[in-house]
PDB file of N, CA and C in Angstrom:
ATOM      1  N   MET A   1      20.997  50.891 216.438  1.00  0.00           N
ATOM      2  CA  MET A   1      21.520  51.735 215.383  1.00  0.00           C
ATOM      3  C   MET A   1      22.017  53.046 215.985  1.00  0.00           C
ATOM      4  N   TYR A   2      23.167  53.509 215.523  1.00  0.00           N
ATOM      5  CA  TYR A   2      23.773  54.752 216.019  1.00  0.00           C
ATOM      6  C   TYR A   2      23.315  55.923 215.167  1.00  0.00           C
ATOM      7  N   VAL A   3      22.879  56.997 215.823  1.00  0.00           N
ATOM      8  CA  VAL A   3      22.539  58.220 215.091  1.00  0.00           C
ATOM      9  C   VAL A   3      23.165  59.396 215.806  1.00  0.00           C
ATOM     10  N   GLY A   4      23.481  60.432 215.065  1.00  0.00           N
ATOM     11  CA  GLY A   4      24.015  61.637 215.695  1.00  0.00           C
ATOM     12  C   GLY A   4      25.515  61.725 215.575  1.00  0.00           C
ATOM     13  N   CYS A   5      26.003  62.913 215.837  1.00  0.00           N
ATOM     14  CA  CYS A   5      27.431  63.185 215.745  1.00  0.00           C
ATOM     15  C   CYS A   5      27.997  63.326 217.149  1.00  0.00           C
ATOM     16  N   HIS A   6      28.986  62.536 217.486  1.00  0.00           N
ATOM     17  CA  HIS A   6      29.629  62.579 218.801  1.00  0.00           C
ATOM     18  C   HIS A   6      28.618  62.443 219.940  1.00  0.00           C
ATOM     19  N   VAL A   7      27.641  61.583 219.736  1.00  0.00           N
ATOM     20  CA  VAL A   7      26.618  61.334 220.752  1.00  0.00           C
ATOM     21  C   VAL A   7      26.740  59.885 221.176  1.00  0.00           C
ATOM     22  N   CYS A   8      26.695  59.651 222.459  1.00  0.00           N
ATOM     23  CA  CYS A   8      26.761  58.281 222.962  1.00  0.00           C
ATOM     24  C   CYS A   8      25.348  57.717 222.992  1.00  0.00           C
ATOM     25  N   ARG A   9      25.126  56.674 222.229  1.00  0.00           N
ATOM     26  CA  ARG A   9      23.787  56.118 222.176  1.00  0.00           C
ATOM     27  C   ARG A   9      23.864  54.660 221.777  1.00  0.00           C
ATOM     28  N   CYS A  10      22.972  53.880 222.326  1.00  0.00           N
ATOM     29  CA  CYS A  10      22.896  52.475 221.962  1.00  0.00           C
ATOM     30  C   CYS A  10      21.440  52.058 222.064  1.00  0.00           C
ATOM     31  N   ASP A  11      20.908  51.379 221.048  1.00  0.00           N
ATOM     32  CA  ASP A  11      19.506  50.975 221.075  1.00  0.00           C
ATOM     33  C   ASP A  11      19.300  49.649 221.792  1.00  0.00           C
ATOM     34  N   ARG A  12      20.371  48.988 222.168  1.00  0.00           N
ATOM     35  CA  ARG A  12      20.236  47.739 222.905  1.00  0.00           C
ATOM     36  C   ARG A  12      19.972  48.032 224.373  1.00  0.00           C
ATOM     37  N   GLU A  13      19.197  47.153 224.993  1.00  0.00           N
ATOM     38  CA  GLU A  13      18.975  47.296 226.431  1.00  0.00           C
ATOM     39  C   GLU A  13      20.235  46.799 227.130  1.00  0.00           C
ATOM     40  N   MET A  14      20.739  47.597 228.050  1.00  0.00           N
ATOM     41  CA  MET A  14      21.966  47.228 228.741  1.00  0.00           C
ATOM     42  C   MET A  14      21.651  46.940 230.195  1.00  0.00           C
ATOM     43  N   LYS A  15      22.254  45.879 230.714  1.00  0.00           N
ATOM     44  CA  LYS A  15      22.052  45.541 232.116  1.00  0.00           C
ATOM     45  C   LYS A  15      22.891  46.463 232.980  1.00  0.00           C
ATOM     46  N   SER A  16      22.350  46.807 234.124  1.00  0.00           N
ATOM     47  CA  SER A  16      23.070  47.662 235.063  1.00  0.00           C
ATOM     48  C   SER A  16      24.211  46.870 235.684  1.00  0.00           C
ATOM     49  N   ILE A  17      25.388  47.476 235.712  1.00  0.00           N
ATOM     50  CA  ILE A  17      26.561  46.857 236.322  1.00  0.00           C
ATOM     51  C   ILE A  17      26.959  47.735 237.490  1.00  0.00           C
ATOM     52  N   GLU A  18      26.602  47.322 238.686  1.00  0.00           N
ATOM     53  CA  GLU A  18      26.908  48.147 239.856  1.00  0.00           C
ATOM     54  C   GLU A  18      28.334  47.862 240.305  1.00  0.00           C
ATOM     55  N   PRO A  19      29.194  48.868 240.314  1.00  0.00           N
ATOM     56  CA  PRO A  19      30.563  48.647 240.770  1.00  0.00           C
ATOM     57  C   PRO A  19      30.595  48.418 242.272  1.00  0.00           C
ATOM     58  N   ALA A  20      31.590  47.679 242.703  1.00  0.00           N
ATOM     59  CA  ALA A  20      31.748  47.443 244.138  1.00  0.00           C
ATOM     60  C   ALA A  20      32.195  48.744 244.793  1.00  0.00           C
ATOM     61  N   ILE A  21      31.389  49.242 245.706  1.00  0.00           N
ATOM     62  CA  ILE A  21      31.737  50.445 246.451  1.00  0.00           C
ATOM     63  C   ILE A  21      32.169  49.972 247.822  1.00  0.00           C
ATOM     64  N   GLY A  22      33.455  50.073 248.103  1.00  0.00           N
ATOM     65  CA  GLY A  22      33.973  49.547 249.350  1.00  0.00           C
ATOM     66  C   GLY A  22      34.509  50.622 250.259  1.00  0.00           C
ATOM     67  N   VAL A  23      35.192  50.163 251.266  1.00  0.00           N
ATOM     68  CA  VAL A  23      35.779  51.031 252.286  1.00  0.00           C
ATOM     69  C   VAL A  23      36.635  52.125 251.658  1.00  0.00           C
ATOM     70  N   CYS A  24      37.417  51.774 250.679  1.00  0.00           N
ATOM     71  CA  CYS A  24      38.354  52.728 250.081  1.00  0.00           C
ATOM     72  C   CYS A  24      37.651  53.826 249.288  1.00  0.00           C
ATOM     73  N   ASN A  25      36.392  53.620 248.947  1.00  0.00           N
ATOM     74  CA  ASN A  25      35.644  54.630 248.205  1.00  0.00           C
ATOM     75  C   ASN A  25      34.862  55.572 249.109  1.00  0.00           C
ATOM     76  N   GLU A  26      34.900  55.319 250.414  1.00  0.00           N
ATOM     77  CA  GLU A  26      34.208  56.210 251.341  1.00  0.00           C
ATOM     78  C   GLU A  26      34.967  57.531 251.432  1.00  0.00           C
ATOM     79  N   VAL A  27      34.233  58.616 251.652  1.00  0.00           N
ATOM     80  CA  VAL A  27      34.855  59.938 251.772  1.00  0.00           C
ATOM     81  C   VAL A  27      35.611  60.037 253.094  1.00  0.00           C
ATOM     82  N   LYS A  28      36.557  60.961 253.155  1.00  0.00           N
ATOM     83  CA  LYS A  28      37.275  61.208 254.406  1.00  0.00           C
ATOM     84  C   LYS A  28      36.272  61.724 255.431  1.00  0.00           C
ATOM     85  N   ALA A  29      36.280  61.117 256.626  1.00  0.00           N
ATOM     86  CA  ALA A  29      35.356  61.552 257.682  1.00  0.00           C
ATOM     87  C   ALA A  29      36.158  61.795 258.957  1.00  0.00           C
ATOM     88  N   VAL A  30      36.353  63.056 259.310  1.00  0.00           N
ATOM     89  CA  VAL A  30      37.151  63.390 260.502  1.00  0.00           C
ATOM     90  C   VAL A  30      36.381  63.155 261.791  1.00  0.00           C
ATOM     91  N   GLY A  31      35.063  63.082 261.727  1.00  0.00           N
ATOM     92  CA  GLY A  31      34.250  62.883 262.923  1.00  0.00           C
ATOM     93  C   GLY A  31      33.977  64.196 263.626  1.00  0.00           C
ATOM     94  N   ASN A  32      33.368  64.093 264.830  1.00  0.00           N
ATOM     95  CA  ASN A  32      32.980  65.326 265.517  1.00  0.00           C
ATOM     96  C   ASN A  32      33.355  65.361 266.998  1.00  0.00           C
ATOM     97  N   CYS A  33      34.403  64.653 267.376  1.00  0.00           N
ATOM     98  CA  CYS A  33      34.909  64.747 268.747  1.00  0.00           C
ATOM     99  C   CYS A  33      36.080  65.727 268.788  1.00  0.00           C
ATOM    100  N   ASN A  34      36.731  65.830 269.925  1.00  0.00           N
ATOM    101  CA  ASN A  34      37.762  66.861 270.101  1.00  0.00           C
ATOM    102  C   ASN A  34      39.195  66.347 270.089  1.00  0.00           C
ATOM    103  N   ASN A  35      39.424  65.104 269.704  1.00  0.00           N
ATOM    104  CA  ASN A  35      40.783  64.562 269.659  1.00  0.00           C
ATOM    105  C   ASN A  35      41.438  64.878 268.316  1.00  0.00           C
ATOM    106  N   ASN A  36      42.743  64.785 268.273  1.00  0.00           N
ATOM    107  CA  ASN A  36      43.504  64.929 267.027  1.00  0.00           C
ATOM    108  C   ASN A  36      44.394  63.712 266.884  1.00  0.00           C
ATOM    109  N   ILE A  37      43.861  62.681 266.238  1.00  0.00           N
ATOM    110  CA  ILE A  37      44.571  61.420 266.073  1.00  0.00           C
ATOM    111  C   ILE A  37      45.026  61.322 264.622  1.00  0.00           C
ATOM    112  N   GLU A  38      46.322  61.137 264.414  1.00  0.00           N
ATOM    113  CA  GLU A  38      46.852  61.025 263.054  1.00  0.00           C
ATOM    114  C   GLU A  38      46.406  59.704 262.441  1.00  0.00           C
ATOM    115  N   ARG A  39      45.738  59.786 261.312  1.00  0.00           N
ATOM    116  CA  ARG A  39      45.261  58.614 260.587  1.00  0.00           C
ATOM    117  C   ARG A  39      45.459  58.827 259.089  1.00  0.00           C
ATOM    118  N   TYR A  40      45.168  57.788 258.328  1.00  0.00           N
ATOM    119  CA  TYR A  40      45.297  57.828 256.873  1.00  0.00           C
ATOM    120  C   TYR A  40      43.993  57.362 256.232  1.00  0.00           C
ATOM    121  N   TYR A  41      43.658  57.962 255.097  1.00  0.00           N
ATOM    122  CA  TYR A  41      42.487  57.549 254.326  1.00  0.00           C
ATOM    123  C   TYR A  41      42.887  57.465 252.861  1.00  0.00           C
ATOM    124  N   TYR A  42      42.124  56.674 252.100  1.00  0.00           N
ATOM    125  CA  TYR A  42      42.389  56.554 250.676  1.00  0.00           C
ATOM    126  C   TYR A  42      41.604  57.622 249.928  1.00  0.00           C
ATOM    127  N   ASN A  43      42.320  58.454 249.175  1.00  0.00           N
ATOM    128  CA  ASN A  43      41.724  59.514 248.367  1.00  0.00           C
ATOM    129  C   ASN A  43      41.510  58.956 246.959  1.00  0.00           C
ATOM    130  N   VAL A  44      40.255  58.705 246.606  1.00  0.00           N
ATOM    131  CA  VAL A  44      39.915  58.108 245.313  1.00  0.00           C
ATOM    132  C   VAL A  44      40.360  58.986 244.153  1.00  0.00           C
ATOM    133  N   VAL A  45      40.182  60.277 244.273  1.00  0.00           N
ATOM    134  CA  VAL A  45      40.516  61.205 243.191  1.00  0.00           C
ATOM    135  C   VAL A  45      42.012  61.201 242.909  1.00  0.00           C
ATOM    136  N   GLU A  46      42.824  61.220 243.952  1.00  0.00           N
ATOM    137  CA  GLU A  46      44.280  61.259 243.791  1.00  0.00           C
ATOM    138  C   GLU A  46      44.903  59.870 243.664  1.00  0.00           C
ATOM    139  N   ASP A  47      44.128  58.816 243.924  1.00  0.00           N
ATOM    140  CA  ASP A  47      44.596  57.428 243.890  1.00  0.00           C
ATOM    141  C   ASP A  47      45.789  57.221 244.810  1.00  0.00           C
ATOM    142  N   LYS A  48      45.658  57.728 246.039  1.00  0.00           N
ATOM    143  CA  LYS A  48      46.722  57.522 247.017  1.00  0.00           C
ATOM    144  C   LYS A  48      46.170  57.708 248.427  1.00  0.00           C
ATOM    145  N   CYS A  49      46.921  57.194 249.388  1.00  0.00           N
ATOM    146  CA  CYS A  49      46.558  57.352 250.792  1.00  0.00           C
ATOM    147  C   CYS A  49      47.120  58.676 251.296  1.00  0.00           C
ATOM    148  N   GLU A  50      46.321  59.386 252.085  1.00  0.00           N
ATOM    149  CA  GLU A  50      46.730  60.691 252.605  1.00  0.00           C
ATOM    150  C   GLU A  50      46.474  60.763 254.103  1.00  0.00           C
ATOM    151  N   LYS A  51      47.298  61.557 254.766  1.00  0.00           N
ATOM    152  CA  LYS A  51      47.170  61.747 256.205  1.00  0.00           C
ATOM    153  C   LYS A  51      46.036  62.721 256.507  1.00  0.00           C
ATOM    154  N   PHE A  52      45.333  62.484 257.629  1.00  0.00           N
ATOM    155  CA  PHE A  52      44.344  63.438 258.124  1.00  0.00           C
ATOM    156  C   PHE A  52      44.262  63.307 259.637  1.00  0.00           C
ATOM    157  N   MET A  53      43.661  64.276 260.274  1.00  0.00           N
ATOM    158  CA  MET A  53      43.504  64.264 261.723  1.00  0.00           C
ATOM    159  C   MET A  53      42.084  63.817 262.059  1.00  0.00           C
ATOM    160  N   TYR A  54      41.992  62.652 262.695  1.00  0.00           N
ATOM    161  CA  TYR A  54      40.714  62.060 263.080  1.00  0.00           C
ATOM    162  C   TYR A  54      40.324  62.562 264.462  1.00  0.00           C
ATOM    163  N   SER A  55      39.067  62.907 264.640  1.00  0.00           N
ATOM    164  CA  SER A  55      38.602  63.467 265.915  1.00  0.00           C
ATOM    165  C   SER A  55      38.389  62.411 266.992  1.00  0.00           C
ATOM    166  N   GLY A  56      38.312  61.145 266.602  1.00  0.00           N
ATOM    167  CA  GLY A  56      38.163  60.079 267.583  1.00  0.00           C
ATOM    168  C   GLY A  56      36.799  59.415 267.604  1.00  0.00           C
ATOM    169  N   CYS A  57      35.803  59.980 266.929  1.00  0.00           N
ATOM    170  CA  CYS A  57      34.487  59.336 266.900  1.00  0.00           C
ATOM    171  C   CYS A  57      33.699  59.760 265.663  1.00  0.00           C
ATOM    172  N   ASN A  58      32.718  58.920 265.328  1.00  0.00           N
ATOM    173  CA  ASN A  58      31.783  59.173 264.222  1.00  0.00           C
ATOM    174  C   ASN A  58      32.458  59.353 262.869  1.00  0.00           C
ATOM    175  N   GLY A  59      33.494  58.573 262.614  1.00  0.00           N
ATOM    176  CA  GLY A  59      34.120  58.579 261.297  1.00  0.00           C
ATOM    177  C   GLY A  59      33.504  57.482 260.446  1.00  0.00           C
ATOM    178  N   ASN A  60      34.308  56.907 259.556  1.00  0.00           N
ATOM    179  CA  ASN A  60      33.854  55.758 258.779  1.00  0.00           C
ATOM    180  C   ASN A  60      35.003  54.758 258.691  1.00  0.00           C
ATOM    181  N   ASN A  61      34.871  53.759 257.831  1.00  0.00           N
ATOM    182  CA  ASN A  61      35.885  52.705 257.748  1.00  0.00           C
ATOM    183  C   ASN A  61      37.083  53.058 256.878  1.00  0.00           C
ATOM    184  N   ASN A  62      37.040  54.171 256.162  1.00  0.00           N
ATOM    185  CA  ASN A  62      38.191  54.630 255.383  1.00  0.00           C
ATOM    186  C   ASN A  62      39.079  55.424 256.334  1.00  0.00           C
ATOM    187  N   ASN A  63      39.659  54.717 257.289  1.00  0.00           N
ATOM    188  CA  ASN A  63      40.387  55.311 258.405  1.00  0.00           C
ATOM    189  C   ASN A  63      41.414  54.278 258.869  1.00  0.00           C
ATOM    190  N   PHE A  64      42.670  54.495 258.538  1.00  0.00           N
ATOM    191  CA  PHE A  64      43.712  53.513 258.810  1.00  0.00           C
ATOM    192  C   PHE A  64      44.775  54.090 259.737  1.00  0.00           C
ATOM    193  N   LYS A  65      45.316  53.245 260.613  1.00  0.00           N
ATOM    194  CA  LYS A  65      46.320  53.696 261.585  1.00  0.00           C
ATOM    195  C   LYS A  65      47.657  54.018 260.928  1.00  0.00           C
ATOM    196  N   THR A  66      47.987  53.308 259.849  1.00  0.00           N
ATOM    197  CA  THR A  66      49.277  53.539 259.190  1.00  0.00           C
ATOM    198  C   THR A  66      49.089  53.725 257.682  1.00  0.00           C
ATOM    199  N   LEU A  67      50.066  54.363 257.072  1.00  0.00           N
ATOM    200  CA  LEU A  67      50.079  54.546 255.624  1.00  0.00           C
ATOM    201  C   LEU A  67      50.142  53.186 254.933  1.00  0.00           C
ATOM    202  N   GLN A  68      50.948  52.280 255.483  1.00  0.00           N
ATOM    203  CA  GLN A  68      51.100  50.952 254.898  1.00  0.00           C
ATOM    204  C   GLN A  68      49.779  50.177 254.930  1.00  0.00           C
ATOM    205  N   GLU A  69      49.060  50.249 256.051  1.00  0.00           N
ATOM    206  CA  GLU A  69      47.772  49.561 256.169  1.00  0.00           C
ATOM    207  C   GLU A  69      46.786  50.084 255.117  1.00  0.00           C
ATOM    208  N   CYS A  70      46.754  51.392 254.932  1.00  0.00           N
ATOM    209  CA  CYS A  70      45.883  52.007 253.931  1.00  0.00           C
ATOM    210  C   CYS A  70      46.257  51.534 252.525  1.00  0.00           C
ATOM    211  N   ALA A  71      47.545  51.584 252.212  1.00  0.00           N
ATOM    212  CA  ALA A  71      48.020  51.201 250.880  1.00  0.00           C
ATOM    213  C   ALA A  71      47.729  49.731 250.583  1.00  0.00           C
ATOM    214  N   GLU A  72      47.902  48.864 251.586  1.00  0.00           N
ATOM    215  CA  GLU A  72      47.638  47.441 251.383  1.00  0.00           C
ATOM    216  C   GLU A  72      46.148  47.176 251.192  1.00  0.00           C
ATOM    217  N   LYS A  73      45.323  47.782 252.015  1.00  0.00           N
ATOM    218  CA  LYS A  73      43.872  47.562 251.947  1.00  0.00           C
ATOM    219  C   LYS A  73      43.297  48.084 250.630  1.00  0.00           C
ATOM    220  N   CYS A  74      43.764  49.235 250.199  1.00  0.00           N
ATOM    221  CA  CYS A  74      43.201  49.877 249.003  1.00  0.00           C
ATOM    222  C   CYS A  74      44.018  49.598 247.750  1.00  0.00           C
ATOM    223  N   GLN A  75      45.027  48.736 247.865  1.00  0.00           N
ATOM    224  CA  GLN A  75      45.864  48.313 246.747  1.00  0.00           C
ATOM    225  C   GLN A  75      46.388  49.480 245.940  1.00  0.00           C
ATOM    226  N   VAL A  76      47.007  50.405 246.641  1.00  0.00           N
ATOM    227  CA  VAL A  76      47.580  51.581 245.998  1.00  0.00           C
ATOM    228  C   VAL A  76      48.850  51.173 245.279  1.00  0.00           C
ATOM    229  N   ASN A  77      48.978  51.588 244.028  1.00  0.00           N
ATOM    230  CA  ASN A  77      50.186  51.355 243.257  1.00  0.00           C
ATOM    231  C   ASN A  77      50.991  52.643 243.286  1.00  0.00           C
ATOM    232  N   GLN A  78      52.003  52.696 244.135  1.00  0.00           N
ATOM    233  CA  GLN A  78      52.777  53.913 244.339  1.00  0.00           C
ATOM    234  C   GLN A  78      53.523  54.358 243.077  1.00  0.00           C
ATOM    235  N   ASP A  79      53.813  53.418 242.164  1.00  0.00           N
ATOM    236  CA  ASP A  79      54.620  53.745 240.988  1.00  0.00           C
ATOM    237  C   ASP A  79      53.815  54.299 239.816  1.00  0.00           C
ATOM    238  N   SER A  80      52.519  54.049 239.810  1.00  0.00           N
ATOM    239  CA  SER A  80      51.750  54.454 238.629  1.00  0.00           C
ATOM    240  C   SER A  80      51.012  55.759 238.852  1.00  0.00           C
ATOM    241  N   GLN A  81      50.779  56.448 237.772  1.00  0.00           N
ATOM    242  CA  GLN A  81      50.000  57.676 237.787  1.00  0.00           C
ATOM    243  C   GLN A  81      48.588  57.334 237.324  1.00  0.00           C
ATOM    244  N   PRO A  82      47.566  58.008 237.853  1.00  0.00           N
ATOM    245  CA  PRO A  82      46.204  57.741 237.390  1.00  0.00           C
ATOM    246  C   PRO A  82      46.067  58.054 235.901  1.00  0.00           C
ATOM    247  N   THR A  83      45.313  57.218 235.202  1.00  0.00           N
ATOM    248  CA  THR A  83      45.090  57.444 233.779  1.00  0.00           C
ATOM    249  C   THR A  83      43.596  57.432 233.497  1.00  0.00           C
ATOM    250  N   ILE A  84      43.212  58.129 232.463  1.00  0.00           N
ATOM    251  CA  ILE A  84      41.820  58.170 232.047  1.00  0.00           C
ATOM    252  C   ILE A  84      41.749  57.605 230.639  1.00  0.00           C
ATOM    253  N   GLN A  85      40.893  56.614 230.449  1.00  0.00           N
ATOM    254  CA  GLN A  85      40.713  56.053 229.117  1.00  0.00           C
ATOM    255  C   GLN A  85      39.463  56.661 228.508  1.00  0.00           C
ATOM    256  N   ARG A  86      39.568  57.069 227.264  1.00  0.00           N
ATOM    257  CA  ARG A  86      38.436  57.693 226.583  1.00  0.00           C
ATOM    258  C   ARG A  86      37.968  56.799 225.450  1.00  0.00           C
ATOM    259  N   ALA A  87      36.668  56.720 225.290  1.00  0.00           N
ATOM    260  CA  ALA A  87      36.111  55.983 224.162  1.00  0.00           C
ATOM    261  C   ALA A  87      36.332  56.796 222.894  1.00  0.00           C
ATOM    262  N   SER A  88      36.544  56.104 221.801  1.00  0.00           N
ATOM    263  CA  SER A  88      36.734  56.781 220.523  1.00  0.00           C
ATOM    264  C   SER A  88      35.430  57.430 220.081  1.00  0.00           C
ATOM    265  N   LEU A  89      35.502  58.693 219.686  1.00  0.00           N
ATOM    266  CA  LEU A  89      34.318  59.384 219.187  1.00  0.00           C
ATOM    267  C   LEU A  89      34.534  59.881 217.763  1.00  0.00           C
ATOM    268  N   GLY A  90      35.518  59.313 217.060  1.00  0.00           N
ATOM    269  CA  GLY A  90      35.806  59.726 215.693  1.00  0.00           C
ATOM    270  C   GLY A  90      34.667  59.344 214.760  1.00  0.00           C
ATOM    271  N   GLU A  91      34.779  58.217 214.071  1.00  0.00           N
ATOM    272  CA  GLU A  91      33.711  57.691 213.232  1.00  0.00           C
ATOM    273  C   GLU A  91      33.050  56.571 214.030  1.00  0.00           C
ATOM    274  N   PRO A  92      32.113  56.917 214.893  1.00  0.00           N
ATOM    275  CA  PRO A  92      31.585  55.916 215.817  1.00  0.00           C
ATOM    276  C   PRO A  92      30.739  54.858 215.134  1.00  0.00           C
ATOM    277  N   GLY A  93      30.898  53.665 215.658  1.00  0.00           N
ATOM    278  CA  GLY A  93      30.067  52.551 215.238  1.00  0.00           C
ATOM    279  C   GLY A  93      29.344  52.029 216.458  1.00  0.00           C
ATOM    280  N   GLU A  94      28.741  50.873 216.330  1.00  0.00           N
ATOM    281  CA  GLU A  94      27.972  50.329 217.445  1.00  0.00           C
ATOM    282  C   GLU A  94      28.856  50.092 218.665  1.00  0.00           C
ATOM    283  N   SER A  95      30.090  49.597 218.459  1.00  0.00           N
ATOM    284  CA  SER A  95      30.961  49.308 219.599  1.00  0.00           C
ATOM    285  C   SER A  95      31.330  50.584 220.356  1.00  0.00           C
ATOM    286  N   ASP A  96      31.532  51.703 219.643  1.00  0.00           N
ATOM    287  CA  ASP A  96      31.821  52.971 220.314  1.00  0.00           C
ATOM    288  C   ASP A  96      30.630  53.430 221.147  1.00  0.00           C
ATOM    289  N   ALA A  97      29.430  53.252 220.606  1.00  0.00           N
ATOM    290  CA  ALA A  97      28.225  53.651 221.340  1.00  0.00           C
ATOM    291  C   ALA A  97      28.081  52.819 222.604  1.00  0.00           C
ATOM    292  N   ILE A  98      28.357  51.530 222.506  1.00  0.00           N
ATOM    293  CA  ILE A  98      28.254  50.665 223.679  1.00  0.00           C
ATOM    294  C   ILE A  98      29.287  51.065 224.721  1.00  0.00           C
ATOM    295  N   LYS A  99      30.552  51.286 224.302  1.00  0.00           N
ATOM    296  CA  LYS A  99      31.595  51.722 225.246  1.00  0.00           C
ATOM    297  C   LYS A  99      31.182  53.003 225.943  1.00  0.00           C
ATOM    298  N   CYS A 100      30.688  53.936 225.169  1.00  0.00           N
ATOM    299  CA  CYS A 100      30.318  55.234 225.710  1.00  0.00           C
ATOM    300  C   CYS A 100      29.176  55.087 226.709  1.00  0.00           C
ATOM    301  N   ASN A 101      28.169  54.282 226.386  1.00  0.00           N
ATOM    302  CA  ASN A 101      27.047  54.085 227.295  1.00  0.00           C
ATOM    303  C   ASN A 101      27.472  53.381 228.574  1.00  0.00           C
ATOM    304  N   ILE A 102      28.381  52.436 228.489  1.00  0.00           N
ATOM    305  CA  ILE A 102      28.867  51.770 229.698  1.00  0.00           C
ATOM    306  C   ILE A 102      29.540  52.787 230.603  1.00  0.00           C
ATOM    307  N   TRP A 103      30.385  53.655 230.042  1.00  0.00           N
ATOM    308  CA  TRP A 103      31.038  54.692 230.850  1.00  0.00           C
ATOM    309  C   TRP A 103      30.003  55.618 231.468  1.00  0.00           C
ATOM    310  N   LEU A 104      28.996  56.014 230.712  1.00  0.00           N
ATOM    311  CA  LEU A 104      27.957  56.894 231.253  1.00  0.00           C
ATOM    312  C   LEU A 104      27.192  56.223 232.383  1.00  0.00           C
ATOM    313  N   ILE A 105      26.876  54.942 232.214  1.00  0.00           N
ATOM    314  CA  ILE A 105      26.169  54.206 233.264  1.00  0.00           C
ATOM    315  C   ILE A 105      27.026  54.127 234.520  1.00  0.00           C
ATOM    316  N   LEU A 106      28.296  53.754 234.363  1.00  0.00           N
ATOM    317  CA  LEU A 106      29.183  53.633 235.524  1.00  0.00           C
ATOM    318  C   LEU A 106      29.376  54.970 236.226  1.00  0.00           C
ATOM    319  N   ILE A 107      29.601  56.024 235.472  1.00  0.00           N
ATOM    320  CA  ILE A 107      29.798  57.349 236.073  1.00  0.00           C
ATOM    321  C   ILE A 107      28.536  57.789 236.802  1.00  0.00           C
ATOM    322  N   THR A 108      27.374  57.567 236.191  1.00  0.00           N
ATOM    323  CA  THR A 108      26.112  57.935 236.833  1.00  0.00           C
ATOM    324  C   THR A 108      25.911  57.163 238.128  1.00  0.00           C
ATOM    325  N   MET A 109      26.215  55.864 238.115  1.00  0.00           N
ATOM    326  CA  MET A 109      26.049  55.051 239.322  1.00  0.00           C
ATOM    327  C   MET A 109      27.010  55.491 240.415  1.00  0.00           C
ATOM    328  N   ILE A 110      28.248  55.785 240.060  1.00  0.00           N
ATOM    329  CA  ILE A 110      29.232  56.233 241.050  1.00  0.00           C
ATOM    330  C   ILE A 110      28.816  57.568 241.641  1.00  0.00           C
ATOM    331  N   LEU A 111      28.394  58.502 240.797  1.00  0.00           N
ATOM    332  CA  LEU A 111      27.965  59.811 241.300  1.00  0.00           C
ATOM    333  C   LEU A 111      26.721  59.696 242.176  1.00  0.00           C
ATOM    334  N   THR A 112      25.800  58.809 241.820  1.00  0.00           N
ATOM    335  CA  THR A 112      24.605  58.592 242.641  1.00  0.00           C
ATOM    336  C   THR A 112      24.993  58.045 244.005  1.00  0.00           C
ATOM    337  N   LYS A 113      25.906  57.062 244.031  1.00  0.00           N
ATOM    338  CA  LYS A 113      26.360  56.481 245.298  1.00  0.00           C
ATOM    339  C   LYS A 113      27.104  57.530 246.116  1.00  0.00           C
ATOM    340  N   LEU A 114      27.953  58.322 245.487  1.00  0.00           N
ATOM    341  CA  LEU A 114      28.700  59.366 246.180  1.00  0.00           C
ATOM    342  C   LEU A 114      27.748  60.396 246.777  1.00  0.00           C
ATOM    343  N   HIS A 115      26.724  60.777 246.026  1.00  0.00           N
ATOM    344  CA  HIS A 115      25.725  61.726 246.533  1.00  0.00           C
ATOM    345  C   HIS A 115      25.026  61.153 247.764  1.00  0.00           C
ATOM    346  N   SER A 116      24.701  59.864 247.710  1.00  0.00           N
ATOM    347  CA  SER A 116      24.050  59.202 248.840  1.00  0.00           C
ATOM    348  C   SER A 116      24.957  59.200 250.067  1.00  0.00           C
ATOM    349  N   ILE A 117      26.239  58.893 249.871  1.00  0.00           N
ATOM    350  CA  ILE A 117      27.208  58.873 250.975  1.00  0.00           C
ATOM    351  C   ILE A 117      27.356  60.267 251.563  1.00  0.00           C
ATOM    352  N   LEU A 118      27.513  61.268 250.702  1.00  0.00           N
ATOM    353  CA  LEU A 118      27.689  62.637 251.183  1.00  0.00           C
ATOM    354  C   LEU A 118      26.448  63.132 251.912  1.00  0.00           C
ATOM    355  N   SER A 119      25.271  62.768 251.436  1.00  0.00           N
ATOM    356  CA  SER A 119      24.035  63.166 252.110  1.00  0.00           C
ATOM    357  C   SER A 119      23.960  62.551 253.495  1.00  0.00           C
ATOM    358  N   THR A 120      24.350  61.282 253.603  1.00  0.00           N
ATOM    359  CA  THR A 120      24.351  60.595 254.893  1.00  0.00           C
ATOM    360  C   THR A 120      25.346  61.237 255.840  1.00  0.00           C
ATOM    361  N   HIS A 121      26.557  61.534 255.343  1.00  0.00           N
ATOM    362  CA  HIS A 121      27.594  62.129 256.188  1.00  0.00           C
ATOM    363  C   HIS A 121      27.240  63.545 256.614  1.00  0.00           C
ATOM    364  N   SER A 122      26.575  64.293 255.766  1.00  0.00           N
ATOM    365  CA  SER A 122      26.225  65.665 256.138  1.00  0.00           C
ATOM    366  C   SER A 122      25.195  65.671 257.264  1.00  0.00           C
ATOM    367  N   LYS A 123      24.357  64.640 257.337  1.00  0.00           N
ATOM    368  CA  LYS A 123      23.395  64.528 258.431  1.00  0.00           C
ATOM    369  C   LYS A 123      24.102  64.192 259.739  1.00  0.00           C
ATOM    370  N   ILE A 124      25.183  63.375 259.655  1.00  0.00           N
ATOM    371  CA  ILE A 124      25.946  62.982 260.846  1.00  0.00           C
ATOM    372  C   ILE A 124      26.765  64.150 261.357  1.00  0.00           C
ATOM    373  N   LEU A 125      27.448  64.844 260.433  1.00  0.00           N
ATOM    374  CA  LEU A 125      28.333  65.938 260.816  1.00  0.00           C
ATOM    375  C   LEU A 125      27.508  67.147 261.127  1.00  0.00           C
TER     376      LEU A 125
END
């Protein structure tokens, strides 16, 4: 049962859906050596591949030799702009509460994974 105004809530137990966190979701890692090697990484926020200078060691797998290799691996759609879909919060019913809770679960899981990745990288760097 839904209660509250503009509150995301669902009384059903929901199973955790862990999104696939792959190479393309890893943060840019320049490494800690002294080289300046031109490479490309996939920027999740901008939804595109971007150039960066790799130091030559201690990076991660989000590190591609060419822009084309990055775009192919991360399936970048050069023609589209990123879009955000919002759940309806007008006169919410059970389906709105479920949509909202799924988004909250996914966002929480992504942020938790990102925090874990950043914590690991900060120890390396």
